[in-house]
PDB file of N, CA and C in Angstrom:
ATOM      1  N   MET A   1     -83.616   8.310  67.780  1.00  0.00           N
ATOM      2  CA  MET A   1     -84.979   8.072  68.255  1.00  0.00           C
ATOM      3  C   MET A   1     -86.011   8.805  67.334  1.00  0.00           C
ATOM      4  N   ALA A   2     -86.941   7.965  66.845  1.00  0.00           N
ATOM      5  CA  ALA A   2     -87.930   8.552  65.900  1.00  0.00           C
ATOM      6  C   ALA A   2     -89.119   9.136  66.719  1.00  0.00           C
ATOM      7  N   THR A   3     -89.667  10.162  66.238  1.00  0.00           N
ATOM      8  CA  THR A   3     -90.782  10.838  66.882  1.00  0.00           C
ATOM      9  C   THR A   3     -91.909  11.013  65.861  1.00  0.00           C
ATOM     10  N   ASN A   4     -93.153  11.191  66.319  1.00  0.00           N
ATOM     11  CA  ASN A   4     -94.247  11.425  65.514  1.00  0.00           C
ATOM     12  C   ASN A   4     -94.563  12.852  65.422  1.00  0.00           C
ATOM     13  N   GLN A   5     -93.695  13.736  65.810  1.00  0.00           N
ATOM     14  CA  GLN A   5     -93.826  15.163  65.992  1.00  0.00           C
ATOM     15  C   GLN A   5     -94.065  15.681  64.575  1.00  0.00           C
ATOM     16  N   LYS A   6     -94.999  16.632  64.439  1.00  0.00           N
ATOM     17  CA  LYS A   6     -95.165  17.333  63.158  1.00  0.00           C
ATOM     18  C   LYS A   6     -94.797  18.767  63.172  1.00  0.00           C
ATOM     19  N   PRO A   7     -94.461  19.323  62.018  1.00  0.00           N
ATOM     20  CA  PRO A   7     -94.060  20.747  62.023  1.00  0.00           C
ATOM     21  C   PRO A   7     -95.261  21.633  62.310  1.00  0.00           C
ATOM     22  N   LEU A   8     -94.949  22.821  62.906  1.00  0.00           N
ATOM     23  CA  LEU A   8     -96.063  23.813  63.199  1.00  0.00           C
ATOM     24  C   LEU A   8     -96.714  24.305  61.926  1.00  0.00           C
ATOM     25  N   HIS A   9     -95.906  24.340  60.864  1.00  0.00           N
ATOM     26  CA  HIS A   9     -96.513  24.953  59.616  1.00  0.00           C
ATOM     27  C   HIS A   9     -95.622  24.493  58.469  1.00  0.00           C
ATOM     28  N   GLN A  10     -96.197  24.315  57.275  1.00  0.00           N
ATOM     29  CA  GLN A  10     -95.450  24.032  56.081  1.00  0.00           C
ATOM     30  C   GLN A  10     -95.814  24.958  54.964  1.00  0.00           C
ATOM     31  N   ILE A  11     -94.845  25.253  54.173  1.00  0.00           N
ATOM     32  CA  ILE A  11     -95.031  26.162  53.004  1.00  0.00           C
ATOM     33  C   ILE A  11     -94.509  25.406  51.773  1.00  0.00           C
ATOM     34  N   ARG A  12     -95.342  25.319  50.801  1.00  0.00           N
ATOM     35  CA  ARG A  12     -94.883  24.562  49.574  1.00  0.00           C
ATOM     36  C   ARG A  12     -94.978  25.478  48.388  1.00  0.00           C
ATOM     37  N   ILE A  13     -93.893  25.504  47.619  1.00  0.00           N
ATOM     38  CA  ILE A  13     -93.814  26.229  46.389  1.00  0.00           C
ATOM     39  C   ILE A  13     -93.191  25.347  45.372  1.00  0.00           C
ATOM     40  N   GLY A  14     -93.931  24.880  44.332  1.00  0.00           N
ATOM     41  CA  GLY A  14     -93.389  23.874  43.416  1.00  0.00           C
ATOM     42  C   GLY A  14     -93.100  22.592  44.145  1.00  0.00           C
ATOM     43  N   SER A  15     -91.899  22.135  43.921  1.00  0.00           N
ATOM     44  CA  SER A  15     -91.451  20.889  44.534  1.00  0.00           C
ATOM     45  C   SER A  15     -90.724  21.101  45.845  1.00  0.00           C
ATOM     46  N   VAL A  16     -90.594  22.393  46.225  1.00  0.00           N
ATOM     47  CA  VAL A  16     -89.812  22.736  47.439  1.00  0.00           C
ATOM     48  C   VAL A  16     -90.788  22.977  48.634  1.00  0.00           C
ATOM     49  N   ARG A  17     -90.364  22.445  49.693  1.00  0.00           N
ATOM     50  CA  ARG A  17     -91.262  22.660  50.985  1.00  0.00           C
ATOM     51  C   ARG A  17     -90.367  23.173  52.089  1.00  0.00           C
ATOM     52  N   ALA A  18     -90.865  24.144  52.827  1.00  0.00           N
ATOM     53  CA  ALA A  18     -90.247  24.643  54.028  1.00  0.00           C
ATOM     54  C   ALA A  18     -91.144  24.115  55.217  1.00  0.00           C
ATOM     55  N   SER A  19     -90.446  23.429  56.190  1.00  0.00           N
ATOM     56  CA  SER A  19     -91.162  23.027  57.409  1.00  0.00           C
ATOM     57  C   SER A  19     -90.712  23.766  58.558  1.00  0.00           C
ATOM     58  N   ILE A  20     -91.600  24.335  59.316  1.00  0.00           N
ATOM     59  CA  ILE A  20     -91.236  25.235  60.481  1.00  0.00           C
ATOM     60  C   ILE A  20     -91.557  24.419  61.710  1.00  0.00           C
ATOM     61  N   TRP A  21     -90.509  24.339  62.557  1.00  0.00           N
ATOM     62  CA  TRP A  21     -90.579  23.537  63.792  1.00  0.00           C
ATOM     63  C   TRP A  21     -90.407  24.495  65.055  1.00  0.00           C
ATOM     64  N   GLU A  22     -91.039  24.114  66.108  1.00  0.00           N
ATOM     65  CA  GLU A  22     -90.864  24.797  67.377  1.00  0.00           C
ATOM     66  C   GLU A  22     -90.132  23.917  68.331  1.00  0.00           C
ATOM     67  N   HIS A  23     -89.088  24.368  68.885  1.00  0.00           N
ATOM     68  CA  HIS A  23     -88.267  23.640  69.917  1.00  0.00           C
ATOM     69  C   HIS A  23     -88.411  24.365  71.232  1.00  0.00           C
ATOM     70  N   ARG A  24     -88.706  23.617  72.260  1.00  0.00           N
ATOM     71  CA  ARG A  24     -88.831  24.101  73.604  1.00  0.00           C
ATOM     72  C   ARG A  24     -87.827  23.562  74.549  1.00  0.00           C
ATOM     73  N   THR A  25     -87.235  24.457  75.384  1.00  0.00           N
ATOM     74  CA  THR A  25     -86.416  24.087  76.454  1.00  0.00           C
ATOM     75  C   THR A  25     -87.043  24.511  77.777  1.00  0.00           C
ATOM     76  N   ASP A  26     -86.376  24.304  78.857  1.00  0.00           N
ATOM     77  CA  ASP A  26     -86.918  24.685  80.159  1.00  0.00           C
ATOM     78  C   ASP A  26     -87.053  26.251  80.259  1.00  0.00           C
ATOM     79  N   HIS A  27     -86.130  26.897  79.569  1.00  0.00           N
ATOM     80  CA  HIS A  27     -86.166  28.407  79.681  1.00  0.00           C
ATOM     81  C   HIS A  27     -86.632  29.190  78.516  1.00  0.00           C
ATOM     82  N   THR A  28     -86.796  28.616  77.296  1.00  0.00           N
ATOM     83  CA  THR A  28     -87.131  29.289  76.123  1.00  0.00           C
ATOM     84  C   THR A  28     -87.695  28.414  75.117  1.00  0.00           C
ATOM     85  N   SER A  29     -88.161  28.980  74.008  1.00  0.00           N
ATOM     86  CA  SER A  29     -88.474  28.181  72.843  1.00  0.00           C
ATOM     87  C   SER A  29     -88.018  28.999  71.606  1.00  0.00           C
ATOM     88  N   PHE A  30     -87.687  28.278  70.463  1.00  0.00           N
ATOM     89  CA  PHE A  30     -87.297  28.893  69.345  1.00  0.00           C
ATOM     90  C   PHE A  30     -87.861  28.129  68.090  1.00  0.00           C
ATOM     91  N   LEU A  31     -87.786  28.785  66.982  1.00  0.00           N
ATOM     92  CA  LEU A  31     -88.363  28.225  65.731  1.00  0.00           C
ATOM     93  C   LEU A  31     -87.206  27.941  64.774  1.00  0.00           C
ATOM     94  N   THR A  32     -87.290  26.860  64.043  1.00  0.00           N
ATOM     95  CA  THR A  32     -86.353  26.551  63.004  1.00  0.00           C
ATOM     96  C   THR A  32     -87.073  26.196  61.705  1.00  0.00           C
ATOM     97  N   VAL A  33     -86.393  26.208  60.573  1.00  0.00           N
ATOM     98  CA  VAL A  33     -87.006  25.873  59.332  1.00  0.00           C
ATOM     99  C   VAL A  33     -86.010  24.919  58.606  1.00  0.00           C
ATOM    100  N   ASN A  34     -86.702  23.862  58.060  1.00  0.00           N
ATOM    101  CA  ASN A  34     -85.927  22.853  57.248  1.00  0.00           C
ATOM    102  C   ASN A  34     -86.474  22.950  55.847  1.00  0.00           C
ATOM    103  N   TYR A  35     -85.743  22.696  54.849  1.00  0.00           N
ATOM    104  CA  TYR A  35     -86.208  22.752  53.460  1.00  0.00           C
ATOM    105  C   TYR A  35     -85.951  21.348  52.788  1.00  0.00           C
ATOM    106  N   SER A  36     -86.882  20.931  51.989  1.00  0.00           N
ATOM    107  CA  SER A  36     -86.740  19.662  51.234  1.00  0.00           C
ATOM    108  C   SER A  36     -87.397  19.815  49.856  1.00  0.00           C
ATOM    109  N   ARG A  37     -87.022  18.902  48.996  1.00  0.00           N
ATOM    110  CA  ARG A  37     -87.572  18.968  47.614  1.00  0.00           C
ATOM    111  C   ARG A  37     -88.157  17.568  47.329  1.00  0.00           C
ATOM    112  N   SER A  38     -89.373  17.470  46.779  1.00  0.00           N
ATOM    113  CA  SER A  38     -89.966  16.218  46.476  1.00  0.00           C
ATOM    114  C   SER A  38     -89.671  15.874  45.032  1.00  0.00           C
ATOM    115  N   TYR A  39     -89.394  14.559  44.815  1.00  0.00           N
ATOM    116  CA  TYR A  39     -89.078  14.061  43.475  1.00  0.00           C
ATOM    117  C   TYR A  39     -89.519  12.615  43.306  1.00  0.00           C
ATOM    118  N   PRO A  40     -89.946  12.182  42.115  1.00  0.00           N
ATOM    119  CA  PRO A  40     -90.337  10.772  41.888  1.00  0.00           C
ATOM    120  C   PRO A  40     -89.166   9.967  41.506  1.00  0.00           C
ATOM    121  N   ASP A  41     -89.103   8.768  41.850  1.00  0.00           N
ATOM    122  CA  ASP A  41     -88.016   7.886  41.371  1.00  0.00           C
ATOM    123  C   ASP A  41     -88.549   7.201  40.016  1.00  0.00           C
ATOM    124  N   GLY A  42     -87.774   6.307  39.495  1.00  0.00           N
ATOM    125  CA  GLY A  42     -88.084   5.721  38.182  1.00  0.00           C
ATOM    126  C   GLY A  42     -89.397   4.824  38.247  1.00  0.00           C
ATOM    127  N   GLN A  43     -89.848   4.420  39.401  1.00  0.00           N
ATOM    128  CA  GLN A  43     -90.979   3.645  39.513  1.00  0.00           C
ATOM    129  C   GLN A  43     -92.239   4.497  39.992  1.00  0.00           C
ATOM    130  N   GLY A  44     -92.025   5.855  40.028  1.00  0.00           N
ATOM    131  CA  GLY A  44     -93.133   6.692  40.434  1.00  0.00           C
ATOM    132  C   GLY A  44     -93.334   6.906  41.891  1.00  0.00           C
ATOM    133  N   HIS A  45     -92.413   6.377  42.765  1.00  0.00           N
ATOM    134  CA  HIS A  45     -92.530   6.544  44.179  1.00  0.00           C
ATOM    135  C   HIS A  45     -91.929   7.949  44.520  1.00  0.00           C
ATOM    136  N   TRP A  46     -92.575   8.618  45.470  1.00  0.00           N
ATOM    137  CA  TRP A  46     -92.074  10.006  45.764  1.00  0.00           C
ATOM    138  C   TRP A  46     -91.095   9.969  46.973  1.00  0.00           C
ATOM    139  N   HIS A  47     -90.100  10.789  46.916  1.00  0.00           N
ATOM    140  CA  HIS A  47     -89.011  10.853  47.897  1.00  0.00           C
ATOM    141  C   HIS A  47     -88.789  12.342  48.237  1.00  0.00           C
ATOM    142  N   ASN A  48     -88.106  12.576  49.350  1.00  0.00           N
ATOM    143  CA  ASN A  48     -87.648  13.963  49.709  1.00  0.00           C
ATOM    144  C   ASN A  48     -86.180  13.962  49.551  1.00  0.00           C
ATOM    145  N   GLY A  49     -85.647  14.987  48.941  1.00  0.00           N
ATOM    146  CA  GLY A  49     -84.239  15.264  48.782  1.00  0.00           C
ATOM    147  C   GLY A  49     -83.838  16.604  49.465  1.00  0.00           C
ATOM    148  N   TYR A  50     -82.615  16.719  49.677  1.00  0.00           N
ATOM    149  CA  TYR A  50     -82.134  17.902  50.393  1.00  0.00           C
ATOM    150  C   TYR A  50     -80.912  18.534  49.715  1.00  0.00           C
ATOM    151  N   SER A  51     -80.871  18.297  48.349  1.00  0.00           N
ATOM    152  CA  SER A  51     -79.965  19.059  47.526  1.00  0.00           C
ATOM    153  C   SER A  51     -80.857  19.685  46.311  1.00  0.00           C
ATOM    154  N   TYR A  52     -80.367  20.778  45.874  1.00  0.00           N
ATOM    155  CA  TYR A  52     -81.177  21.536  44.966  1.00  0.00           C
ATOM    156  C   TYR A  52     -80.515  21.954  43.669  1.00  0.00           C
ATOM    157  N   THR A  53     -81.255  21.992  42.633  1.00  0.00           N
ATOM    158  CA  THR A  53     -80.721  22.430  41.363  1.00  0.00           C
ATOM    159  C   THR A  53     -80.814  23.946  41.238  1.00  0.00           C
ATOM    160  N   GLU A  54     -80.234  24.505  40.245  1.00  0.00           N
ATOM    161  CA  GLU A  54     -80.291  25.923  40.099  1.00  0.00           C
ATOM    162  C   GLU A  54     -81.664  26.406  39.914  1.00  0.00           C
ATOM    163  N   GLN A  55     -82.538  25.567  39.235  1.00  0.00           N
ATOM    164  CA  GLN A  55     -84.036  25.962  39.001  1.00  0.00           C
ATOM    165  C   GLN A  55     -84.695  25.923  40.307  1.00  0.00           C
ATOM    166  N   ASP A  56     -84.293  25.209  41.278  1.00  0.00           N
ATOM    167  CA  ASP A  56     -85.066  25.239  42.698  1.00  0.00           C
ATOM    168  C   ASP A  56     -84.779  26.466  43.432  1.00  0.00           C
ATOM    169  N   LEU A  57     -83.735  27.148  43.185  1.00  0.00           N
ATOM    170  CA  LEU A  57     -83.342  28.234  44.074  1.00  0.00           C
ATOM    171  C   LEU A  57     -84.373  29.424  44.116  1.00  0.00           C
ATOM    172  N   PRO A  58     -85.128  29.731  43.052  1.00  0.00           N
ATOM    173  CA  PRO A  58     -86.108  30.759  43.257  1.00  0.00           C
ATOM    174  C   PRO A  58     -87.197  30.287  44.308  1.00  0.00           C
ATOM    175  N   ALA A  59     -87.580  29.006  44.169  1.00  0.00           N
ATOM    176  CA  ALA A  59     -88.618  28.541  45.167  1.00  0.00           C
ATOM    177  C   ALA A  59     -88.154  28.500  46.554  1.00  0.00           C
ATOM    178  N   ILE A  60     -86.862  28.115  46.717  1.00  0.00           N
ATOM    179  CA  ILE A  60     -86.279  28.150  48.065  1.00  0.00           C
ATOM    180  C   ILE A  60     -86.256  29.544  48.599  1.00  0.00           C
ATOM    181  N   MET A  61     -85.960  30.464  47.787  1.00  0.00           N
ATOM    182  CA  MET A  61     -85.876  31.947  48.259  1.00  0.00           C
ATOM    183  C   MET A  61     -87.304  32.360  48.615  1.00  0.00           C
ATOM    184  N   ASP A  62     -88.331  32.037  47.779  1.00  0.00           N
ATOM    185  CA  ASP A  62     -89.705  32.438  48.164  1.00  0.00           C
ATOM    186  C   ASP A  62     -90.172  31.689  49.326  1.00  0.00           C
ATOM    187  N   CYS A  63     -89.797  30.413  49.502  1.00  0.00           N
ATOM    188  CA  CYS A  63     -90.184  29.675  50.814  1.00  0.00           C
ATOM    189  C   CYS A  63     -89.593  30.296  52.003  1.00  0.00           C
ATOM    190  N   ALA A  64     -88.275  30.773  51.809  1.00  0.00           N
ATOM    191  CA  ALA A  64     -87.652  31.439  53.013  1.00  0.00           C
ATOM    192  C   ALA A  64     -88.345  32.761  53.369  1.00  0.00           C
ATOM    193  N   LEU A  65     -88.732  33.531  52.360  1.00  0.00           N
ATOM    194  CA  LEU A  65     -89.412  34.741  52.677  1.00  0.00           C
ATOM    195  C   LEU A  65     -90.822  34.525  53.365  1.00  0.00           C
ATOM    196  N   GLU A  66     -91.508  33.543  52.889  1.00  0.00           N
ATOM    197  CA  GLU A  66     -92.816  33.188  53.392  1.00  0.00           C
ATOM    198  C   GLU A  66     -92.634  32.587  54.837  1.00  0.00           C
ATOM    199  N   ALA A  67     -91.589  31.826  55.029  1.00  0.00           N
ATOM    200  CA  ALA A  67     -91.335  31.250  56.353  1.00  0.00           C
ATOM    201  C   ALA A  67     -90.931  32.387  57.377  1.00  0.00           C
ATOM    202  N   LYS A  68     -90.150  33.341  56.950  1.00  0.00           N
ATOM    203  CA  LYS A  68     -89.841  34.525  57.760  1.00  0.00           C
ATOM    204  C   LYS A  68     -91.098  35.264  58.258  1.00  0.00           C
ATOM    205  N   LYS A  69     -92.064  35.482  57.223  1.00  0.00           N
ATOM    206  CA  LYS A  69     -93.256  36.204  57.549  1.00  0.00           C
ATOM    207  C   LYS A  69     -94.085  35.394  58.563  1.00  0.00           C
ATOM    208  N   TRP A  70     -94.241  34.124  58.254  1.00  0.00           N
ATOM    209  CA  TRP A  70     -95.081  33.294  59.106  1.00  0.00           C
ATOM    210  C   TRP A  70     -94.482  33.208  60.559  1.00  0.00           C
ATOM    211  N   MET A  71     -93.174  32.996  60.623  1.00  0.00           N
ATOM    212  CA  MET A  71     -92.595  32.947  61.993  1.00  0.00           C
ATOM    213  C   MET A  71     -92.733  34.196  62.718  1.00  0.00           C
ATOM    214  N   ARG A  72     -92.600  35.408  62.038  1.00  0.00           N
ATOM    215  CA  ARG A  72     -92.791  36.680  62.765  1.00  0.00           C
ATOM    216  C   ARG A  72     -94.265  36.784  63.271  1.00  0.00           C
ATOM    217  N   MET A  73     -95.179  36.472  62.419  1.00  0.00           N
ATOM    218  CA  MET A  73     -96.567  36.476  62.755  1.00  0.00           C
ATOM    219  C   MET A  73     -96.900  35.568  63.965  1.00  0.00           C
ATOM    220  N   TYR A  74     -96.293  34.421  63.971  1.00  0.00           N
ATOM    221  CA  TYR A  74     -96.488  33.385  64.921  1.00  0.00           C
ATOM    222  C   TYR A  74     -95.976  33.887  66.249  1.00  0.00           C
ATOM    223  N   ARG A  75     -94.716  34.479  66.262  1.00  0.00           N
ATOM    224  CA  ARG A  75     -94.200  34.959  67.522  1.00  0.00           C
ATOM    225  C   ARG A  75     -95.027  36.149  68.081  1.00  0.00           C
ATOM    226  N   GLN A  76     -95.463  37.070  67.243  1.00  0.00           N
ATOM    227  CA  GLN A  76     -96.286  38.180  67.663  1.00  0.00           C
ATOM    228  C   GLN A  76     -97.640  37.696  68.190  1.00  0.00           C
ATOM    229  N   SER A  77     -98.223  36.690  67.607  1.00  0.00           N
ATOM    230  CA  SER A  77     -99.569  36.244  68.007  1.00  0.00           C
ATOM    231  C   SER A  77     -99.383  35.462  69.333  1.00  0.00           C
ATOM    232  N   ASN A  78     -98.222  35.044  69.793  1.00  0.00           N
ATOM    233  CA  ASN A  78     -97.966  34.288  70.998  1.00  0.00           C
ATOM    234  C   ASN A  78     -97.287  35.205  71.980  1.00  0.00           C
ATOM    235  N   GLY A  79     -97.277  36.481  71.837  1.00  0.00           N
ATOM    236  CA  GLY A  79     -96.683  37.377  72.809  1.00  0.00           C
ATOM    237  C   GLY A  79     -95.220  37.418  72.928  1.00  0.00           C
ATOM    238  N   ARG A  80     -94.513  37.001  71.784  1.00  0.00           N
ATOM    239  CA  ARG A  80     -93.034  36.977  71.808  1.00  0.00           C
ATOM    240  C   ARG A  80     -92.651  38.065  70.874  1.00  0.00           C
ATOM    241  N   ALA A  81     -91.402  38.607  71.174  1.00  0.00           N
ATOM    242  CA  ALA A  81     -90.750  39.620  70.375  1.00  0.00           C
ATOM    243  C   ALA A  81     -90.577  39.076  68.947  1.00  0.00           C
ATOM    244  N   ALA A  82     -90.716  40.060  68.021  1.00  0.00           N
ATOM    245  CA  ALA A  82     -90.580  39.609  66.583  1.00  0.00           C
ATOM    246  C   ALA A  82     -89.095  39.599  66.152  1.00  0.00           C
TER     247      ALA A  82
END
């Protein structure tokens, strides 16, 4: 089932993007992060990929650190434990 739901926040470093999502249940909510990499095809159309080259790894690591900081600040600003 497709949804029009958007991430709470996105972090982009180079071609790598971290998308932070909030999931709610009846009893709790939690945050998750997904990573993707943008790339053009031979006709210049942009796509998202989910596999990474060795050169992408520093950007993934930086995105992960920024996502961790953002998620901590989000939880603190919403009265949740960090």
